[in-house]
């Protein structure tokens, strides 16, 4: 019998899971302070191009958590509003790629 070892990425895809990050972790990945992120979330400043406000996930205790997709959308919003330069946007996307790689156990950083 052949045994196939699945990567952590395959396991999370099958389970329908994705890594999430606390507000403090999210702020660090975005290269900003917790208070900066907190203020913009509370004000509803992070919006998609269609005008939909980006809302973090909430734990039963009310703590905010962000998925990688949310953080990508927040970074793109910041670029559209000129809160991030293009260089900062690229840096954030690199940080997000490294975070995903370490969370799924992949040794390679996506290009």
N, C-alpha and C. Protein backbone atom coordinates (compact mmCIF):
# COMPACT_ATOMS: atom_id res chain seq x y z
N UNK A 1 0.84 -1.18 0.00
CA UNK A 1 0.00 0.00 0.00
C UNK A 1 0.89 1.24 0.00
N UNK A 2 0.56 2.16 -0.88
CA UNK A 2 1.32 3.41 -0.99
C UNK A 2 0.75 4.43 -0.02
N UNK A 3 1.65 5.09 0.71
CA UNK A 3 1.25 6.13 1.65
C UNK A 3 1.69 7.47 1.08
N UNK A 4 0.74 8.38 0.95
CA UNK A 4 1.06 9.71 0.45
C UNK A 4 1.05 10.69 1.61
N UNK A 5 2.08 11.47 1.69
CA UNK A 5 2.17 12.49 2.73
C UNK A 5 1.65 13.79 2.14
N UNK A 6 0.71 14.39 2.81
CA UNK A 6 0.12 15.63 2.32
C UNK A 6 0.83 16.82 2.96
N UNK A 7 1.00 17.86 2.18
CA UNK A 7 1.58 19.08 2.74
C UNK A 7 0.55 19.75 3.62
N UNK A 8 1.03 20.64 4.47
CA UNK A 8 0.12 21.39 5.34
C UNK A 8 -0.87 22.19 4.51
N UNK A 9 -0.43 22.68 3.34
CA UNK A 9 -1.30 23.45 2.47
C UNK A 9 -2.48 22.59 2.00
N UNK A 10 -2.21 21.36 1.59
CA UNK A 10 -3.27 20.46 1.15
C UNK A 10 -4.24 20.17 2.28
N UNK A 11 -3.73 19.98 3.47
CA UNK A 11 -4.58 19.68 4.62
C UNK A 11 -5.52 20.85 4.90
N UNK A 12 -4.99 22.06 4.90
CA UNK A 12 -5.85 23.22 5.19
C UNK A 12 -6.86 23.43 4.07
N UNK A 13 -6.50 23.13 2.82
CA UNK A 13 -7.46 23.27 1.73
C UNK A 13 -8.58 22.25 1.87
N UNK A 14 -8.25 21.02 2.19
CA UNK A 14 -9.26 19.98 2.35
C UNK A 14 -10.18 20.32 3.51
N UNK A 15 -9.62 20.79 4.60
CA UNK A 15 -10.42 21.12 5.78
C UNK A 15 -11.18 22.44 5.61
N UNK A 16 -10.86 23.19 4.57
CA UNK A 16 -11.51 24.48 4.36
C UNK A 16 -11.06 25.52 5.36
N UNK A 17 -9.83 25.40 5.85
CA UNK A 17 -9.29 26.33 6.84
C UNK A 17 -8.28 27.25 6.22
N UNK A 18 -8.12 28.40 6.82
CA UNK A 18 -7.05 29.30 6.43
C UNK A 18 -6.55 29.99 7.69
N UNK A 19 -5.28 30.35 7.69
CA UNK A 19 -4.75 31.01 8.88
C UNK A 19 -5.43 32.35 9.12
N UNK A 20 -5.58 32.69 10.39
CA UNK A 20 -6.08 34.01 10.76
C UNK A 20 -5.08 34.66 11.71
N UNK A 21 -5.15 35.97 11.79
CA UNK A 21 -4.19 36.73 12.58
C UNK A 21 -4.93 37.69 13.49
N UNK A 22 -4.45 37.80 14.72
CA UNK A 22 -5.04 38.74 15.66
C UNK A 22 -4.83 40.16 15.14
N UNK A 23 -5.52 41.11 15.74
CA UNK A 23 -5.36 42.50 15.32
C UNK A 23 -3.92 42.96 15.50
N UNK A 24 -3.27 42.54 16.57
CA UNK A 24 -1.86 42.92 16.78
C UNK A 24 -0.95 42.30 15.72
N UNK A 25 -1.19 41.02 15.41
CA UNK A 25 -0.40 40.36 14.36
C UNK A 25 -0.67 41.01 13.01
N UNK A 26 -1.93 41.32 12.74
CA UNK A 26 -2.30 41.95 11.48
C UNK A 26 -1.61 43.31 11.32
N UNK A 27 -1.61 44.10 12.39
CA UNK A 27 -0.95 45.41 12.35
C UNK A 27 0.54 45.25 12.04
N UNK A 28 1.17 44.27 12.66
CA UNK A 28 2.60 44.03 12.41
C UNK A 28 2.83 43.62 10.96
N UNK A 29 1.96 42.76 10.42
CA UNK A 29 2.10 42.34 9.02
C UNK A 29 1.89 43.51 8.06
N UNK A 30 1.06 44.45 8.46
CA UNK A 30 0.82 45.64 7.64
C UNK A 30 1.88 46.73 7.86
N UNK A 31 2.77 46.50 8.82
CA UNK A 31 3.82 47.47 9.09
C UNK A 31 3.32 48.71 9.79
N UNK A 32 2.24 48.57 10.54
CA UNK A 32 1.64 49.70 11.24
C UNK A 32 1.40 49.32 12.70
N UNK A 33 1.03 50.30 13.50
CA UNK A 33 0.76 50.05 14.91
C UNK A 33 -0.64 49.47 15.10
N UNK A 34 -0.83 48.84 16.25
CA UNK A 34 -2.14 48.32 16.60
C UNK A 34 -3.16 49.45 16.63
N UNK A 35 -2.79 50.59 17.21
CA UNK A 35 -3.74 51.70 17.32
C UNK A 35 -4.14 52.24 15.94
N UNK A 36 -3.22 52.26 14.99
CA UNK A 36 -3.52 52.68 13.62
C UNK A 36 -4.58 51.76 13.03
N UNK A 37 -4.35 50.45 13.12
CA UNK A 37 -5.30 49.48 12.58
C UNK A 37 -6.63 49.59 13.30
N UNK A 38 -6.60 49.66 14.62
CA UNK A 38 -7.81 49.74 15.42
C UNK A 38 -8.65 50.96 15.02
N UNK A 39 -8.01 52.10 14.90
CA UNK A 39 -8.72 53.33 14.55
C UNK A 39 -9.39 53.21 13.18
N UNK A 40 -8.66 52.71 12.19
CA UNK A 40 -9.22 52.60 10.84
C UNK A 40 -10.34 51.57 10.77
N UNK A 41 -10.21 50.47 11.51
CA UNK A 41 -11.28 49.47 11.53
C UNK A 41 -12.53 50.07 12.18
N UNK A 42 -12.35 50.72 13.31
CA UNK A 42 -13.50 51.33 14.02
C UNK A 42 -14.20 52.39 13.17
N UNK A 43 -13.41 53.13 12.37
CA UNK A 43 -13.99 54.18 11.53
C UNK A 43 -14.58 53.65 10.22
N UNK A 44 -14.36 52.36 9.94
CA UNK A 44 -14.85 51.78 8.69
C UNK A 44 -14.11 52.32 7.47
N UNK A 45 -12.82 52.65 7.66
CA UNK A 45 -12.04 53.25 6.58
C UNK A 45 -11.58 52.26 5.52
N UNK A 46 -11.53 50.98 5.86
CA UNK A 46 -11.05 49.98 4.92
C UNK A 46 -12.22 49.47 4.09
N UNK A 47 -12.19 49.81 2.80
CA UNK A 47 -13.30 49.44 1.92
C UNK A 47 -12.77 48.78 0.64
N UNK A 48 -13.59 47.91 0.09
CA UNK A 48 -13.30 47.30 -1.20
C UNK A 48 -13.65 48.30 -2.30
N UNK A 49 -13.17 48.08 -3.52
CA UNK A 49 -13.50 49.02 -4.60
C UNK A 49 -15.00 49.24 -4.81
N UNK A 50 -15.82 48.23 -4.45
CA UNK A 50 -17.27 48.40 -4.62
C UNK A 50 -17.93 49.14 -3.45
N UNK A 51 -17.12 49.58 -2.47
CA UNK A 51 -17.65 50.34 -1.35
C UNK A 51 -17.98 49.52 -0.12
N UNK A 52 -17.86 48.19 -0.21
CA UNK A 52 -18.12 47.32 0.94
C UNK A 52 -17.03 47.50 1.98
N UNK A 53 -17.43 47.70 3.22
CA UNK A 53 -16.47 47.85 4.32
C UNK A 53 -15.89 46.50 4.68
N UNK A 54 -14.58 46.45 4.85
CA UNK A 54 -13.90 45.22 5.27
C UNK A 54 -14.08 45.07 6.77
N UNK A 55 -14.75 44.00 7.19
CA UNK A 55 -15.01 43.74 8.59
C UNK A 55 -14.19 42.53 9.05
N UNK A 56 -13.45 42.65 10.13
CA UNK A 56 -12.69 41.49 10.63
C UNK A 56 -13.63 40.42 11.17
N UNK A 57 -13.11 39.22 11.26
CA UNK A 57 -13.83 38.13 11.91
C UNK A 57 -13.84 38.42 13.40
N UNK A 58 -14.78 37.85 14.12
CA UNK A 58 -14.85 38.05 15.57
C UNK A 58 -14.88 36.71 16.28
N UNK A 59 -14.13 36.63 17.36
CA UNK A 59 -14.18 35.43 18.21
C UNK A 59 -15.40 35.56 19.11
N UNK A 60 -15.82 34.47 19.77
CA UNK A 60 -16.95 34.57 20.70
C UNK A 60 -16.71 35.64 21.78
N UNK A 61 -15.47 35.90 22.13
CA UNK A 61 -15.15 36.92 23.13
C UNK A 61 -15.05 38.32 22.56
N UNK A 62 -15.26 38.46 21.25
CA UNK A 62 -15.23 39.78 20.62
C UNK A 62 -13.89 40.20 20.05
N UNK A 63 -12.87 39.32 20.15
CA UNK A 63 -11.56 39.67 19.59
C UNK A 63 -11.63 39.64 18.07
N UNK A 64 -10.90 40.56 17.44
CA UNK A 64 -10.89 40.64 15.98
C UNK A 64 -9.78 39.79 15.41
N UNK A 65 -10.10 39.11 14.31
CA UNK A 65 -9.13 38.30 13.58
C UNK A 65 -9.25 38.61 12.10
N UNK A 66 -8.12 38.51 11.40
CA UNK A 66 -8.07 38.85 9.99
C UNK A 66 -7.52 37.67 9.19
N UNK A 67 -8.13 37.40 8.05
CA UNK A 67 -7.60 36.39 7.13
C UNK A 67 -6.58 37.07 6.22
N UNK A 68 -5.83 36.28 5.52
CA UNK A 68 -4.86 36.82 4.56
C UNK A 68 -5.59 37.64 3.49
N UNK A 69 -6.72 37.14 3.02
CA UNK A 69 -7.47 37.88 2.01
C UNK A 69 -7.90 39.25 2.52
N UNK A 70 -8.34 39.30 3.76
CA UNK A 70 -8.71 40.60 4.35
C UNK A 70 -7.51 41.53 4.40
N UNK A 71 -6.37 40.99 4.80
CA UNK A 71 -5.16 41.83 4.89
C UNK A 71 -4.71 42.30 3.52
N UNK A 72 -4.86 41.47 2.50
CA UNK A 72 -4.55 41.89 1.13
C UNK A 72 -5.48 43.03 0.72
N UNK A 73 -6.76 42.85 1.02
CA UNK A 73 -7.74 43.89 0.67
C UNK A 73 -7.46 45.20 1.42
N UNK A 74 -7.07 45.09 2.68
CA UNK A 74 -6.73 46.28 3.46
C UNK A 74 -5.50 46.97 2.86
N UNK A 75 -4.50 46.19 2.49
CA UNK A 75 -3.28 46.77 1.90
C UNK A 75 -3.62 47.48 0.58
N UNK A 76 -4.45 46.86 -0.25
CA UNK A 76 -4.83 47.49 -1.52
C UNK A 76 -5.64 48.76 -1.27
N UNK A 77 -6.51 48.74 -0.27
CA UNK A 77 -7.28 49.93 0.10
C UNK A 77 -6.32 51.06 0.52
N UNK A 78 -5.34 50.71 1.32
CA UNK A 78 -4.36 51.71 1.78
C UNK A 78 -3.61 52.31 0.61
N UNK A 79 -3.28 51.50 -0.38
CA UNK A 79 -2.59 52.01 -1.56
C UNK A 79 -3.52 52.94 -2.35
N UNK A 80 -4.79 52.53 -2.52
CA UNK A 80 -5.74 53.37 -3.26
C UNK A 80 -5.94 54.73 -2.58
N UNK A 81 -5.88 54.74 -1.24
CA UNK A 81 -6.07 55.99 -0.50
C UNK A 81 -4.75 56.75 -0.27
N UNK A 82 -3.67 56.24 -0.85
CA UNK A 82 -2.34 56.85 -0.73
C UNK A 82 -1.81 56.82 0.71
N UNK A 83 -2.28 55.86 1.50
CA UNK A 83 -1.73 55.66 2.85
C UNK A 83 -0.49 54.78 2.78
N UNK A 84 -0.36 54.00 1.70
CA UNK A 84 0.83 53.19 1.43
C UNK A 84 1.40 53.64 0.09
N UNK A 85 2.72 53.71 0.02
CA UNK A 85 3.38 53.89 -1.27
C UNK A 85 3.39 52.53 -1.97
N UNK A 86 3.75 52.53 -3.25
CA UNK A 86 3.84 51.24 -3.95
C UNK A 86 4.91 50.36 -3.32
N UNK A 87 5.99 50.97 -2.87
CA UNK A 87 7.05 50.22 -2.20
C UNK A 87 6.53 49.57 -0.91
N UNK A 88 5.75 50.33 -0.13
CA UNK A 88 5.16 49.77 1.10
C UNK A 88 4.18 48.65 0.77
N UNK A 89 3.39 48.82 -0.29
CA UNK A 89 2.44 47.78 -0.69
C UNK A 89 3.18 46.49 -1.03
N UNK A 90 4.25 46.60 -1.80
CA UNK A 90 5.04 45.41 -2.14
C UNK A 90 5.62 44.76 -0.89
N UNK A 91 6.09 45.57 0.04
CA UNK A 91 6.65 45.05 1.28
C UNK A 91 5.59 44.30 2.10
N UNK A 92 4.38 44.85 2.17
CA UNK A 92 3.30 44.19 2.89
C UNK A 92 2.96 42.86 2.23
N UNK A 93 2.87 42.84 0.91
CA UNK A 93 2.55 41.59 0.23
C UNK A 93 3.64 40.55 0.45
N UNK A 94 4.88 40.98 0.53
CA UNK A 94 5.98 40.04 0.82
C UNK A 94 5.82 39.49 2.25
N UNK A 95 5.51 40.36 3.21
CA UNK A 95 5.29 39.92 4.59
C UNK A 95 4.14 38.91 4.67
N UNK A 96 3.07 39.19 3.94
CA UNK A 96 1.93 38.28 3.93
C UNK A 96 2.30 36.93 3.32
N UNK A 97 3.08 36.96 2.25
CA UNK A 97 3.52 35.71 1.63
C UNK A 97 4.39 34.89 2.59
N UNK A 98 5.26 35.57 3.32
CA UNK A 98 6.11 34.86 4.28
C UNK A 98 5.27 34.30 5.42
N UNK A 99 4.28 35.05 5.87
CA UNK A 99 3.42 34.58 6.96
C UNK A 99 2.64 33.35 6.53
N UNK A 100 2.09 33.37 5.33
CA UNK A 100 1.34 32.21 4.84
C UNK A 100 2.27 31.01 4.70
N UNK A 101 3.46 31.24 4.17
CA UNK A 101 4.41 30.14 3.99
C UNK A 101 4.77 29.50 5.32
N UNK A 102 4.98 30.30 6.34
CA UNK A 102 5.35 29.72 7.64
C UNK A 102 4.15 29.05 8.30
N UNK A 103 2.94 29.59 8.09
CA UNK A 103 1.74 29.00 8.69
C UNK A 103 1.35 27.67 8.07
N UNK A 104 1.66 27.49 6.78
CA UNK A 104 1.29 26.24 6.13
C UNK A 104 2.45 25.27 6.07
N UNK A 105 3.60 25.67 6.63
CA UNK A 105 4.74 24.77 6.69
C UNK A 105 5.51 24.65 5.40
N UNK A 106 5.32 25.59 4.51
CA UNK A 106 6.01 25.58 3.22
C UNK A 106 7.35 26.28 3.41
N UNK A 107 8.40 25.69 2.86
CA UNK A 107 9.73 26.26 3.02
C UNK A 107 10.03 27.35 1.99
N UNK A 108 9.23 27.41 0.93
CA UNK A 108 9.49 28.37 -0.12
C UNK A 108 8.54 29.55 -0.01
N UNK A 109 9.06 30.74 -0.22
CA UNK A 109 8.23 31.94 -0.24
C UNK A 109 7.72 32.10 -1.66
N UNK A 110 6.39 32.23 -1.83
CA UNK A 110 5.86 32.41 -3.18
C UNK A 110 6.44 33.65 -3.83
N UNK A 111 6.64 33.56 -5.15
CA UNK A 111 7.20 34.69 -5.91
C UNK A 111 6.20 35.79 -6.10
